[in-house]
């Protein structure tokens, strides 16, 4: 009589990729105006206003276009600073006058030339 042989197999649980939102939340941007590509809050970025818009500076003699950017509706903070409901988040794309001051300067960004590739309000 043959011995009773049982073959046991162990199945690992299915592999789940790590949550990219959690990983992004661990990216350090201390003392930097850089921002993780993903939104660590897990909110989906709304690209309702993805068309390019201009940022104009009003002077004594004229109004001039200083940069082009893209508008995003997502979170209500920029560089950990809350902003009012009538302020939008803009990613600076093209600079025409780098010496123009941004509307809401921070310790890291005072001029348009410093804002390329970042978000300003």
PDB file of N, CA and C in Angstrom:
ATOM      1  N   UNK A   1       0.836  -1.156   0.000  1.00  0.00           N
ATOM      2  CA  UNK A   1       0.000   0.000   0.000  1.00  0.00           C
ATOM      3  C   UNK A   1       0.891   1.231   0.000  1.00  0.00           C
ATOM      4  N   UNK A   2       0.663   2.118  -0.923  1.00  0.00           N
ATOM      5  CA  UNK A   2       1.484   3.319  -1.057  1.00  0.00           C
ATOM      6  C   UNK A   2       1.115   4.306   0.033  1.00  0.00           C
ATOM      7  N   UNK A   3       2.155   4.961   0.556  1.00  0.00           N
ATOM      8  CA  UNK A   3       1.853   5.952   1.590  1.00  0.00           C
ATOM      9  C   UNK A   3       1.043   7.105   0.998  1.00  0.00           C
ATOM     10  N   UNK A   4       0.226   7.666   1.827  1.00  0.00           N
ATOM     11  CA  UNK A   4      -0.607   8.795   1.408  1.00  0.00           C
ATOM     12  C   UNK A   4       0.269  10.039   1.336  1.00  0.00           C
ATOM     13  N   UNK A   5       0.479  10.541   0.154  1.00  0.00           N
ATOM     14  CA  UNK A   5       1.335  11.712  -0.027  1.00  0.00           C
ATOM     15  C   UNK A   5       0.440  12.906  -0.330  1.00  0.00           C
ATOM     16  N   UNK A   6       0.655  13.937   0.439  1.00  0.00           N
ATOM     17  CA  UNK A   6      -0.088  15.167   0.187  1.00  0.00           C
ATOM     18  C   UNK A   6       0.879  16.223  -0.316  1.00  0.00           C
ATOM     19  N   UNK A   7       0.512  16.807  -1.382  1.00  0.00           N
ATOM     20  CA  UNK A   7       1.340  17.878  -1.922  1.00  0.00           C
ATOM     21  C   UNK A   7       0.688  19.192  -1.521  1.00  0.00           C
ATOM     22  N   UNK A   8       1.439  19.945  -0.810  1.00  0.00           N
ATOM     23  CA  UNK A   8       0.915  21.238  -0.372  1.00  0.00           C
ATOM     24  C   UNK A   8       1.588  22.332  -1.179  1.00  0.00           C
ATOM     25  N   UNK A   9       0.824  23.250  -1.571  1.00  0.00           N
ATOM     26  CA  UNK A   9       1.431  24.386  -2.251  1.00  0.00           C
ATOM     27  C   UNK A   9       1.021  25.641  -1.512  1.00  0.00           C
ATOM     28  N   UNK A  10       1.947  26.513  -1.433  1.00  0.00           N
ATOM     29  CA  UNK A  10       1.669  27.781  -0.781  1.00  0.00           C
ATOM     30  C   UNK A  10       1.530  28.842  -1.858  1.00  0.00           C
ATOM     31  N   UNK A  11       0.441  29.490  -1.831  1.00  0.00           N
ATOM     32  CA  UNK A  11       0.207  30.568  -2.782  1.00  0.00           C
ATOM     33  C   UNK A  11       0.410  31.885  -2.069  1.00  0.00           C
ATOM     34  N   UNK A  12       1.258  32.686  -2.641  1.00  0.00           N
ATOM     35  CA  UNK A  12       1.443  34.027  -2.095  1.00  0.00           C
ATOM     36  C   UNK A  12       0.248  34.867  -2.505  1.00  0.00           C
ATOM     37  N   UNK A  13      -0.093  35.824  -1.665  1.00  0.00           N
ATOM     38  CA  UNK A  13      -1.177  36.712  -2.097  1.00  0.00           C
ATOM     39  C   UNK A  13      -0.742  37.460  -3.347  1.00  0.00           C
ATOM     40  N   UNK A  14      -1.681  37.860  -4.169  1.00  0.00           N
ATOM     41  CA  UNK A  14      -1.305  38.569  -5.399  1.00  0.00           C
ATOM     42  C   UNK A  14      -0.482  39.809  -5.075  1.00  0.00           C
ATOM     43  N   UNK A  15       0.492  40.063  -5.922  1.00  0.00           N
ATOM     44  CA  UNK A  15       1.358  41.226  -5.723  1.00  0.00           C
ATOM     45  C   UNK A  15       0.575  42.495  -6.001  1.00  0.00           C
ATOM     46  N   UNK A  16       0.659  43.416  -5.063  1.00  0.00           N
ATOM     47  CA  UNK A  16       0.019  44.707  -5.271  1.00  0.00           C
ATOM     48  C   UNK A  16       1.101  45.767  -5.319  1.00  0.00           C
ATOM     49  N   UNK A  17       1.053  46.570  -6.340  1.00  0.00           N
ATOM     50  CA  UNK A  17       2.029  47.655  -6.468  1.00  0.00           C
ATOM     51  C   UNK A  17       1.827  48.638  -5.328  1.00  0.00           C
ATOM     52  N   UNK A  18       2.914  49.229  -4.828  1.00  0.00           N
ATOM     53  CA  UNK A  18       2.770  50.204  -3.758  1.00  0.00           C
ATOM     54  C   UNK A  18       1.980  51.417  -4.234  1.00  0.00           C
ATOM     55  N   UNK A  19       1.273  52.000  -3.305  1.00  0.00           N
ATOM     56  CA  UNK A  19       0.477  53.192  -3.616  1.00  0.00           C
ATOM     57  C   UNK A  19       1.415  54.355  -3.895  1.00  0.00           C
ATOM     58  N   UNK A  20       1.415  54.839  -5.131  1.00  0.00           N
ATOM     59  CA  UNK A  20       2.327  55.911  -5.535  1.00  0.00           C
ATOM     60  C   UNK A  20       2.056  57.181  -4.749  1.00  0.00           C
ATOM     61  N   UNK A  21       0.811  57.377  -4.322  1.00  0.00           N
ATOM     62  CA  UNK A  21       0.493  58.569  -3.533  1.00  0.00           C
ATOM     63  C   UNK A  21       1.228  58.529  -2.193  1.00  0.00           C
ATOM     64  N   UNK A  22       1.302  57.352  -1.593  1.00  0.00           N
ATOM     65  CA  UNK A  22       2.013  57.221  -0.321  1.00  0.00           C
ATOM     66  C   UNK A  22       3.501  57.429  -0.534  1.00  0.00           C
ATOM     67  N   UNK A  23       4.043  56.864  -1.613  1.00  0.00           N
ATOM     68  CA  UNK A  23       5.462  57.049  -1.897  1.00  0.00           C
ATOM     69  C   UNK A  23       5.780  58.516  -2.148  1.00  0.00           C
ATOM     70  N   UNK A  24       4.925  59.200  -2.865  1.00  0.00           N
ATOM     71  CA  UNK A  24       5.161  60.612  -3.156  1.00  0.00           C
ATOM     72  C   UNK A  24       5.132  61.443  -1.889  1.00  0.00           C
ATOM     73  N   UNK A  25       4.311  61.041  -0.929  1.00  0.00           N
ATOM     74  CA  UNK A  25       4.226  61.788   0.320  1.00  0.00           C
ATOM     75  C   UNK A  25       5.532  61.710   1.100  1.00  0.00           C
ATOM     76  N   UNK A  26       6.371  60.727   0.796  1.00  0.00           N
ATOM     77  CA  UNK A  26       7.639  60.564   1.499  1.00  0.00           C
ATOM     78  C   UNK A  26       8.792  61.307   0.836  1.00  0.00           C
ATOM     79  N   UNK A  27       8.549  61.901  -0.323  1.00  0.00           N
ATOM     80  CA  UNK A  27       9.593  62.647  -1.013  1.00  0.00           C
ATOM     81  C   UNK A  27       9.864  63.925  -0.244  1.00  0.00           C
ATOM     82  N   UNK A  28      11.110  64.193   0.055  1.00  0.00           N
ATOM     83  CA  UNK A  28      11.456  65.404   0.791  1.00  0.00           C
ATOM     84  C   UNK A  28      11.645  66.567  -0.163  1.00  0.00           C
ATOM     85  N   UNK A  29      10.925  67.641   0.111  1.00  0.00           N
ATOM     86  CA  UNK A  29      11.109  68.874  -0.651  1.00  0.00           C
ATOM     87  C   UNK A  29      11.511  70.002   0.292  1.00  0.00           C
ATOM     88  N   UNK A  30      12.070  69.638   1.436  1.00  0.00           N
ATOM     89  CA  UNK A  30      12.471  70.631   2.426  1.00  0.00           C
ATOM     90  C   UNK A  30      13.463  71.614   1.812  1.00  0.00           C
ATOM     91  N   UNK A  31      13.245  72.891   2.079  1.00  0.00           N
ATOM     92  CA  UNK A  31      14.083  73.977   1.578  1.00  0.00           C
ATOM     93  C   UNK A  31      14.164  73.956   0.053  1.00  0.00           C
ATOM     94  N   UNK A  32      13.080  73.563  -0.562  1.00  0.00           N
ATOM     95  CA  UNK A  32      13.042  73.498  -2.014  1.00  0.00           C
ATOM     96  C   UNK A  32      11.669  73.929  -2.477  1.00  0.00           C
ATOM     97  N   UNK A  33      11.602  74.482  -3.650  1.00  0.00           N
ATOM     98  CA  UNK A  33      10.295  74.817  -4.205  1.00  0.00           C
ATOM     99  C   UNK A  33       9.816  73.692  -5.109  1.00  0.00           C
ATOM    100  N   UNK A  34      10.542  72.568  -5.088  1.00  0.00           N
ATOM    101  CA  UNK A  34      10.145  71.415  -5.882  1.00  0.00           C
ATOM    102  C   UNK A  34       8.930  70.761  -5.255  1.00  0.00           C
ATOM    103  N   UNK A  35       8.191  70.059  -6.059  1.00  0.00           N
ATOM    104  CA  UNK A  35       6.995  69.400  -5.578  1.00  0.00           C
ATOM    105  C   UNK A  35       6.943  68.013  -6.185  1.00  0.00           C
ATOM    106  N   UNK A  36       6.485  67.039  -5.407  1.00  0.00           N
ATOM    107  CA  UNK A  36       6.343  65.693  -5.939  1.00  0.00           C
ATOM    108  C   UNK A  36       5.364  65.723  -7.101  1.00  0.00           C
ATOM    109  N   UNK A  37       5.621  64.921  -8.108  1.00  0.00           N
ATOM    110  CA  UNK A  37       4.787  64.925  -9.309  1.00  0.00           C
ATOM    111  C   UNK A  37       3.349  64.537  -8.985  1.00  0.00           C
ATOM    112  N   UNK A  38       3.191  63.546  -8.115  1.00  0.00           N
ATOM    113  CA  UNK A  38       1.844  63.133  -7.756  1.00  0.00           C
ATOM    114  C   UNK A  38       1.351  63.950  -6.585  1.00  0.00           C
ATOM    115  N   UNK A  39       0.066  63.966  -6.396  1.00  0.00           N
ATOM    116  CA  UNK A  39      -0.535  64.704  -5.296  1.00  0.00           C
ATOM    117  C   UNK A  39      -0.591  63.787  -4.086  1.00  0.00           C
ATOM    118  N   UNK A  40       0.176  64.051  -3.025  1.00  0.00           N
ATOM    119  CA  UNK A  40       0.208  63.153  -1.880  1.00  0.00           C
ATOM    120  C   UNK A  40      -1.118  63.066  -1.144  1.00  0.00           C
ATOM    121  N   UNK A  41      -2.032  63.974  -1.373  1.00  0.00           N
ATOM    122  CA  UNK A  41      -3.336  63.914  -0.728  1.00  0.00           C
ATOM    123  C   UNK A  41      -4.259  62.923  -1.421  1.00  0.00           C
ATOM    124  N   UNK A  42      -3.845  62.447  -2.580  1.00  0.00           N
ATOM    125  CA  UNK A  42      -4.637  61.465  -3.293  1.00  0.00           C
ATOM    126  C   UNK A  42      -5.764  62.064  -4.112  1.00  0.00           C
ATOM    127  N   UNK A  43      -5.857  63.388  -4.148  1.00  0.00           N
ATOM    128  CA  UNK A  43      -6.895  64.024  -4.955  1.00  0.00           C
ATOM    129  C   UNK A  43      -6.460  63.997  -6.411  1.00  0.00           C
ATOM    130  N   UNK A  44      -7.413  63.790  -7.279  1.00  0.00           N
ATOM    131  CA  UNK A  44      -7.091  63.836  -8.700  1.00  0.00           C
ATOM    132  C   UNK A  44      -6.965  65.287  -9.132  1.00  0.00           C
ATOM    133  N   UNK A  45      -5.915  65.573  -9.870  1.00  0.00           N
ATOM    134  CA  UNK A  45      -5.752  66.922 -10.390  1.00  0.00           C
ATOM    135  C   UNK A  45      -6.770  67.146 -11.495  1.00  0.00           C
ATOM    136  N   UNK A  46      -7.421  68.266 -11.431  1.00  0.00           N
ATOM    137  CA  UNK A  46      -8.394  68.608 -12.450  1.00  0.00           C
ATOM    138  C   UNK A  46      -7.711  69.468 -13.492  1.00  0.00           C
ATOM    139  N   UNK A  47      -7.785  69.060 -14.721  1.00  0.00           N
ATOM    140  CA  UNK A  47      -7.195  69.829 -15.805  1.00  0.00           C
ATOM    141  C   UNK A  47      -8.277  70.581 -16.571  1.00  0.00           C
ATOM    142  N   UNK A  48      -9.250  71.111 -15.845  1.00  0.00           N
ATOM    143  CA  UNK A  48     -10.347  71.823 -16.479  1.00  0.00           C
ATOM    144  C   UNK A  48      -9.826  73.029 -17.247  1.00  0.00           C
ATOM    145  N   UNK A  49      -8.827  73.710 -16.690  1.00  0.00           N
ATOM    146  CA  UNK A  49      -8.289  74.917 -17.319  1.00  0.00           C
ATOM    147  C   UNK A  49      -6.870  74.660 -17.820  1.00  0.00           C
ATOM    148  N   UNK A  50      -6.689  73.673 -18.672  1.00  0.00           N
ATOM    149  CA  UNK A  50      -5.339  73.341 -19.107  1.00  0.00           C
ATOM    150  C   UNK A  50      -4.801  74.268 -20.183  1.00  0.00           C
ATOM    151  N   UNK A  51      -5.638  75.147 -20.708  1.00  0.00           N
ATOM    152  CA  UNK A  51      -5.117  76.052 -21.714  1.00  0.00           C
ATOM    153  C   UNK A  51      -4.122  77.018 -21.073  1.00  0.00           C
ATOM    154  N   UNK A  52      -3.232  77.511 -21.891  1.00  0.00           N
ATOM    155  CA  UNK A  52      -2.211  78.437 -21.417  1.00  0.00           C
ATOM    156  C   UNK A  52      -2.843  79.800 -21.158  1.00  0.00           C
ATOM    157  N   UNK A  53      -2.429  80.428 -20.067  1.00  0.00           N
ATOM    158  CA  UNK A  53      -2.917  81.767 -19.755  1.00  0.00           C
ATOM    159  C   UNK A  53      -1.740  82.684 -19.478  1.00  0.00           C
ATOM    160  N   UNK A  54      -1.942  83.954 -19.611  1.00  0.00           N
ATOM    161  CA  UNK A  54      -0.880  84.925 -19.379  1.00  0.00           C
ATOM    162  C   UNK A  54      -0.958  85.533 -17.994  1.00  0.00           C
ATOM    163  N   UNK A  55       0.202  85.852 -17.431  1.00  0.00           N
ATOM    164  CA  UNK A  55       0.291  86.604 -16.179  1.00  0.00           C
ATOM    165  C   UNK A  55       0.762  88.001 -16.554  1.00  0.00           C
ATOM    166  N   UNK A  56      -0.058  88.972 -16.248  1.00  0.00           N
ATOM    167  CA  UNK A  56       0.226  90.361 -16.601  1.00  0.00           C
ATOM    168  C   UNK A  56       0.562  91.161 -15.353  1.00  0.00           C
ATOM    169  N   UNK A  57       1.474  92.103 -15.494  1.00  0.00           N
ATOM    170  CA  UNK A  57       1.822  93.027 -14.415  1.00  0.00           C
ATOM    171  C   UNK A  57       1.341  94.407 -14.835  1.00  0.00           C
ATOM    172  N   UNK A  58       0.584  95.037 -13.937  1.00  0.00           N
ATOM    173  CA  UNK A  58       0.066  96.374 -14.215  1.00  0.00           C
ATOM    174  C   UNK A  58       1.033  97.388 -13.628  1.00  0.00           C
ATOM    175  N   UNK A  59       1.559  98.266 -14.488  1.00  0.00           N
ATOM    176  CA  UNK A  59       2.486  99.310 -14.061  1.00  0.00           C
ATOM    177  C   UNK A  59       1.847 100.679 -14.164  1.00  0.00           C
ATOM    178  N   UNK A  60       2.640 101.709 -13.905  1.00  0.00           N
ATOM    179  CA  UNK A  60       2.132 103.080 -13.991  1.00  0.00           C
ATOM    180  C   UNK A  60       1.749 103.450 -15.417  1.00  0.00           C
ATOM    181  N   UNK A  61       2.559 103.035 -16.369  1.00  0.00           N
ATOM    182  CA  UNK A  61       2.365 103.444 -17.762  1.00  0.00           C
ATOM    183  C   UNK A  61       1.713 102.381 -18.642  1.00  0.00           C
ATOM    184  N   UNK A  62       1.812 101.108 -18.240  1.00  0.00           N
ATOM    185  CA  UNK A  62       1.316 100.055 -19.124  1.00  0.00           C
ATOM    186  C   UNK A  62       1.025  98.764 -18.363  1.00  0.00           C
ATOM    187  N   UNK A  63       0.403  97.847 -19.070  1.00  0.00           N
ATOM    188  CA  UNK A  63       0.192  96.486 -18.580  1.00  0.00           C
ATOM    189  C   UNK A  63       1.004  95.586 -19.493  1.00  0.00           C
ATOM    190  N   UNK A  64       1.838  94.719 -18.902  1.00  0.00           N
ATOM    191  CA  UNK A  64       2.706  93.896 -19.759  1.00  0.00           C
ATOM    192  C   UNK A  64       2.598  92.420 -19.398  1.00  0.00           C
ATOM    193  N   UNK A  65       2.709  91.607 -20.414  1.00  0.00           N
ATOM    194  CA  UNK A  65       2.704  90.157 -20.261  1.00  0.00           C
ATOM    195  C   UNK A  65       4.092  89.734 -19.797  1.00  0.00           C
ATOM    196  N   UNK A  66       4.191  89.045 -18.647  1.00  0.00           N
ATOM    197  CA  UNK A  66       5.504  88.653 -18.132  1.00  0.00           C
ATOM    198  C   UNK A  66       5.755  87.154 -18.218  1.00  0.00           C
ATOM    199  N   UNK A  67       4.702  86.337 -18.256  1.00  0.00           N
ATOM    200  CA  UNK A  67       4.886  84.895 -18.349  1.00  0.00           C
ATOM    201  C   UNK A  67       3.619  84.218 -18.852  1.00  0.00           C
ATOM    202  N   UNK A  68       3.778  83.000 -19.344  1.00  0.00           N
ATOM    203  CA  UNK A  68       2.649  82.144 -19.696  1.00  0.00           C
ATOM    204  C   UNK A  68       2.666  80.948 -18.764  1.00  0.00           C
ATOM    205  N   UNK A  69       1.491  80.472 -18.400  1.00  0.00           N
ATOM    206  CA  UNK A  69       1.407  79.320 -17.516  1.00  0.00           C
ATOM    207  C   UNK A  69       0.144  78.531 -17.764  1.00  0.00           C
ATOM    208  N   UNK A  70       0.025  77.407 -17.072  1.00  0.00           N
ATOM    209  CA  UNK A  70      -1.158  76.559 -17.154  1.00  0.00           C
ATOM    210  C   UNK A  70      -1.847  76.565 -15.799  1.00  0.00           C
ATOM    211  N   UNK A  71      -3.169  76.674 -15.817  1.00  0.00           N
ATOM    212  CA  UNK A  71      -3.962  76.747 -14.593  1.00  0.00           C
ATOM    213  C   UNK A  71      -4.410  75.351 -14.191  1.00  0.00           C
ATOM    214  N   UNK A  72      -4.311  75.030 -12.900  1.00  0.00           N
ATOM    215  CA  UNK A  72      -4.750  73.750 -12.357  1.00  0.00           C
ATOM    216  C   UNK A  72      -5.679  74.004 -11.182  1.00  0.00           C
ATOM    217  N   UNK A  73      -6.771  73.251 -11.132  1.00  0.00           N
ATOM    218  CA  UNK A  73      -7.662  73.292  -9.976  1.00  0.00           C
ATOM    219  C   UNK A  73      -7.378  72.038  -9.167  1.00  0.00           C
ATOM    220  N   UNK A  74      -6.713  72.169  -8.044  1.00  0.00           N
ATOM    221  CA  UNK A  74      -6.434  70.975  -7.245  1.00  0.00           C
ATOM    222  C   UNK A  74      -6.528  71.313  -5.766  1.00  0.00           C
ATOM    223  N   UNK A  75      -5.413  71.585  -5.147  1.00  0.00           N
ATOM    224  CA  UNK A  75      -5.408  71.854  -3.716  1.00  0.00           C
ATOM    225  C   UNK A  75      -5.454  73.345  -3.457  1.00  0.00           C
ATOM    226  N   UNK A  76      -5.639  73.715  -2.211  1.00  0.00           N
ATOM    227  CA  UNK A  76      -5.775  75.127  -1.869  1.00  0.00           C
ATOM    228  C   UNK A  76      -4.526  75.691  -1.212  1.00  0.00           C
ATOM    229  N   UNK A  77      -3.373  75.060  -1.444  1.00  0.00           N
ATOM    230  CA  UNK A  77      -2.121  75.588  -0.906  1.00  0.00           C
ATOM    231  C   UNK A  77      -1.046  75.570  -1.983  1.00  0.00           C
ATOM    232  N   UNK A  78      -0.127  76.506  -1.853  1.00  0.00           N
ATOM    233  CA  UNK A  78       1.068  76.540  -2.684  1.00  0.00           C
ATOM    234  C   UNK A  78       2.226  76.780  -1.739  1.00  0.00           C
ATOM    235  N   UNK A  79       3.210  75.902  -1.763  1.00  0.00           N
ATOM    236  CA  UNK A  79       4.368  76.002  -0.868  1.00  0.00           C
ATOM    237  C   UNK A  79       3.908  76.079   0.586  1.00  0.00           C
ATOM    238  N   UNK A  80       2.915  75.250   0.932  1.00  0.00           N
ATOM    239  CA  UNK A  80       2.359  75.165   2.284  1.00  0.00           C
ATOM    240  C   UNK A  80       1.684  76.446   2.749  1.00  0.00           C
ATOM    241  N   UNK A  81       1.320  77.320   1.844  1.00  0.00           N
ATOM    242  CA  UNK A  81       0.616  78.556   2.182  1.00  0.00           C
ATOM    243  C   UNK A  81      -0.776  78.483   1.566  1.00  0.00           C
ATOM    244  N   UNK A  82      -1.816  78.620   2.408  1.00  0.00           N
ATOM    245  CA  UNK A  82      -3.186  78.609   1.900  1.00  0.00           C
ATOM    246  C   UNK A  82      -3.458  79.881   1.125  1.00  0.00           C
ATOM    247  N   UNK A  83      -4.307  79.772   0.127  1.00  0.00           N
ATOM    248  CA  UNK A  83      -4.659  80.958  -0.633  1.00  0.00           C
ATOM    249  C   UNK A  83      -6.168  81.091  -0.750  1.00  0.00           C
ATOM    250  N   UNK A  84      -6.608  82.295  -1.077  1.00  0.00           N
ATOM    251  CA  UNK A  84      -8.034  82.614  -1.127  1.00  0.00           C
ATOM    252  C   UNK A  84      -8.726  81.890  -2.272  1.00  0.00           C
ATOM    253  N   UNK A  85     -10.050  81.864  -2.208  1.00  0.00           N
ATOM    254  CA  UNK A  85     -10.841  81.174  -3.225  1.00  0.00           C
ATOM    255  C   UNK A  85     -10.700  81.783  -4.614  1.00  0.00           C
ATOM    256  N   UNK A  86     -10.365  83.064  -4.695  1.00  0.00           N
ATOM    257  CA  UNK A  86     -10.249  83.708  -6.005  1.00  0.00           C
ATOM    258  C   UNK A  86      -8.837  83.638  -6.580  1.00  0.00           C
ATOM    259  N   UNK A  87      -7.960  82.862  -5.932  1.00  0.00           N
ATOM    260  CA  UNK A  87      -6.586  82.673  -6.408  1.00  0.00           C
ATOM    261  C   UNK A  87      -6.496  81.278  -7.013  1.00  0.00           C
ATOM    262  N   UNK A  88      -5.805  81.151  -8.141  1.00  0.00           N
ATOM    263  CA  UNK A  88      -5.662  79.855  -8.795  1.00  0.00           C
ATOM    264  C   UNK A  88      -4.204  79.411  -8.777  1.00  0.00           C
ATOM    265  N   UNK A  89      -4.004  78.123  -8.958  1.00  0.00           N
ATOM    266  CA  UNK A  89      -2.669  77.525  -8.986  1.00  0.00           C
ATOM    267  C   UNK A  89      -2.205  77.508 -10.439  1.00  0.00           C
ATOM    268  N   UNK A  90      -1.045  78.107 -10.710  1.00  0.00           N
ATOM    269  CA  UNK A  90      -0.535  78.234 -12.073  1.00  0.00           C
ATOM    270  C   UNK A  90       0.871  77.657 -12.157  1.00  0.00           C
ATOM    271  N   UNK A  91       1.106  76.819 -13.146  1.00  0.00           N
ATOM    272  CA  UNK A  91       2.434  76.286 -13.422  1.00  0.00           C
ATOM    273  C   UNK A  91       3.081  77.179 -14.472  1.00  0.00           C
ATOM    274  N   UNK A  92       4.226  77.767 -14.133  1.00  0.00           N
ATOM    275  CA  UNK A  92       4.911  78.684 -15.049  1.00  0.00           C
ATOM    276  C   UNK A  92       5.574  77.880 -16.160  1.00  0.00           C
ATOM    277  N   UNK A  93       5.268  78.243 -17.415  1.00  0.00           N
ATOM    278  CA  UNK A  93       5.779  77.518 -18.575  1.00  0.00           C
ATOM    279  C   UNK A  93       6.792  78.348 -19.356  1.00  0.00           C
ATOM    280  N   UNK A  94       6.433  79.564 -19.718  1.00  0.00           N
ATOM    281  CA  UNK A  94       7.286  80.429 -20.529  1.00  0.00           C
ATOM    282  C   UNK A  94       7.443  81.778 -19.850  1.00  0.00           C
ATOM    283  N   UNK A  95       8.681  82.281 -19.791  1.00  0.00           N
ATOM    284  CA  UNK A  95       8.959  83.574 -19.146  1.00  0.00           C
ATOM    285  C   UNK A  95       9.336  84.607 -20.202  1.00  0.00           C
ATOM    286  N   UNK A  96       8.701  85.770 -20.131  1.00  0.00           N
ATOM    287  CA  UNK A  96       9.033  86.888 -21.018  1.00  0.00           C
ATOM    288  C   UNK A  96       9.797  87.983 -20.277  1.00  0.00           C
ATOM    289  N   UNK A  97       9.479  88.179 -19.004  1.00  0.00           N
ATOM    290  CA  UNK A  97      10.169  89.180 -18.185  1.00  0.00           C
ATOM    291  C   UNK A  97      10.509  88.544 -16.846  1.00  0.00           C
ATOM    292  N   UNK A  98      11.699  87.973 -16.750  1.00  0.00           N
ATOM    293  CA  UNK A  98      12.131  87.269 -15.549  1.00  0.00           C
ATOM    294  C   UNK A  98      12.298  88.145 -14.329  1.00  0.00           C
ATOM    295  N   UNK A  99      12.408  89.455 -14.519  1.00  0.00           N
ATOM    296  CA  UNK A  99      12.593  90.375 -13.394  1.00  0.00           C
ATOM    297  C   UNK A  99      11.273  90.818 -12.766  1.00  0.00           C
ATOM    298  N   UNK A 100      10.148  90.436 -13.365  1.00  0.00           N
ATOM    299  CA  UNK A 100       8.845  90.798 -12.804  1.00  0.00           C
ATOM    300  C   UNK A 100       8.608  90.022 -11.516  1.00  0.00           C
ATOM    301  N   UNK A 101       7.993  90.667 -10.546  1.00  0.00           N
ATOM    302  CA  UNK A 101       7.732  90.027  -9.258  1.00  0.00           C
ATOM    303  C   UNK A 101       6.469  89.167  -9.357  1.00  0.00           C
ATOM    304  N   UNK A 102       6.490  87.975  -8.720  1.00  0.00           N
ATOM    305  CA  UNK A 102       5.308  87.115  -8.701  1.00  0.00           C
ATOM    306  C   UNK A 102       4.248  87.743  -7.800  1.00  0.00           C
ATOM    307  N   UNK A 103       2.964  87.431  -8.010  1.00  0.00           N
ATOM    308  CA  UNK A 103       1.897  88.054  -7.230  1.00  0.00           C
ATOM    309  C   UNK A 103       1.991  87.805  -5.722  1.00  0.00           C
ATOM    310  N   UNK A 104       2.385  86.593  -5.329  1.00  0.00           N
ATOM    311  CA  UNK A 104       2.508  86.249  -3.920  1.00  0.00           C
ATOM    312  C   UNK A 104       3.907  85.702  -3.673  1.00  0.00           C
ATOM    313  N   UNK A 105       4.893  86.579  -3.458  1.00  0.00           N
ATOM    314  CA  UNK A 105       6.271  86.108  -3.276  1.00  0.00           C
ATOM    315  C   UNK A 105       6.436  85.298  -1.990  1.00  0.00           C
ATOM    316  N   UNK A 106       7.371  84.349  -2.037  1.00  0.00           N
ATOM    317  CA  UNK A 106       7.747  83.559  -0.861  1.00  0.00           C
ATOM    318  C   UNK A 106       9.235  83.760  -0.630  1.00  0.00           C
ATOM    319  N   UNK A 107       9.766  83.114   0.387  1.00  0.00           N
ATOM    320  CA  UNK A 107      11.206  83.232   0.634  1.00  0.00           C
ATOM    321  C   UNK A 107      12.014  82.591  -0.490  1.00  0.00           C
ATOM    322  N   UNK A 108      11.429  81.612  -1.216  1.00  0.00           N
ATOM    323  CA  UNK A 108      12.132  80.942  -2.304  1.00  0.00           C
ATOM    324  C   UNK A 108      11.904  81.600  -3.661  1.00  0.00           C
ATOM    325  N   UNK A 109      10.724  82.153  -3.874  1.00  0.00           N
ATOM    326  CA  UNK A 109      10.374  82.692  -5.192  1.00  0.00           C
ATOM    327  C   UNK A 109       9.832  84.107  -5.046  1.00  0.00           C
ATOM    328  N   UNK A 110      10.598  85.062  -5.572  1.00  0.00           N
ATOM    329  CA  UNK A 110      10.146  86.451  -5.598  1.00  0.00           C
ATOM    330  C   UNK A 110       9.913  86.927  -7.036  1.00  0.00           C
ATOM    331  N   UNK A 111      10.698  86.398  -7.964  1.00  0.00           N
ATOM    332  CA  UNK A 111      10.652  86.854  -9.350  1.00  0.00           C
ATOM    333  C   UNK A 111      10.227  85.720 -10.283  1.00  0.00           C
ATOM    334  N   UNK A 112       9.637  86.081 -11.403  1.00  0.00           N
ATOM    335  CA  UNK A 112       9.137  85.111 -12.373  1.00  0.00           C
ATOM    336  C   UNK A 112      10.236  84.153 -12.819  1.00  0.00           C
ATOM    337  N   UNK A 113      11.455  84.624 -12.991  1.00  0.00           N
ATOM    338  CA  UNK A 113      12.553  83.760 -13.452  1.00  0.00           C
ATOM    339  C   UNK A 113      12.812  82.609 -12.484  1.00  0.00           C
ATOM    340  N   UNK A 114      12.455  82.776 -11.208  1.00  0.00           N
ATOM    341  CA  UNK A 114      12.655  81.730 -10.204  1.00  0.00           C
ATOM    342  C   UNK A 114      11.501  80.730 -10.179  1.00  0.00           C
ATOM    343  N   UNK A 115      10.446  81.006 -10.911  1.00  0.00           N
ATOM    344  CA  UNK A 115       9.236  80.196 -10.823  1.00  0.00           C
ATOM    345  C   UNK A 115       9.059  79.188 -11.952  1.00  0.00           C
ATOM    346  N   UNK A 116       9.977  79.132 -12.897  1.00  0.00           N
ATOM    347  CA  UNK A 116       9.837  78.206 -14.026  1.00  0.00           C
ATOM    348  C   UNK A 116       9.798  76.769 -13.507  1.00  0.00           C
ATOM    349  N   UNK A 117       8.793  76.020 -13.934  1.00  0.00           N
ATOM    350  CA  UNK A 117       8.657  74.626 -13.523  1.00  0.00           C
ATOM    351  C   UNK A 117       8.036  74.441 -12.157  1.00  0.00           C
ATOM    352  N   UNK A 118       7.607  75.528 -11.515  1.00  0.00           N
ATOM    353  CA  UNK A 118       6.962  75.429 -10.207  1.00  0.00           C
ATOM    354  C   UNK A 118       5.552  75.979 -10.312  1.00  0.00           C
ATOM    355  N   UNK A 119       4.865  75.984  -9.196  1.00  0.00           N
ATOM    356  CA  UNK A 119       3.525  76.549  -9.133  1.00  0.00           C
ATOM    357  C   UNK A 119       3.565  77.852  -8.364  1.00  0.00           C
ATOM    358  N   UNK A 120       2.814  78.824  -8.836  1.00  0.00           N
ATOM    359  CA  UNK A 120       2.668  80.102  -8.138  1.00  0.00           C
ATOM    360  C   UNK A 120       1.185  80.422  -8.058  1.00  0.00           C
ATOM    361  N   UNK A 121       0.845  81.369  -7.169  1.00  0.00           N
ATOM    362  CA  UNK A 121      -0.565  81.758  -7.007  1.00  0.00           C
ATOM    363  C   UNK A 121      -0.793  83.143  -7.528  1.00  0.00           C
TER     364      UNK A 121
END
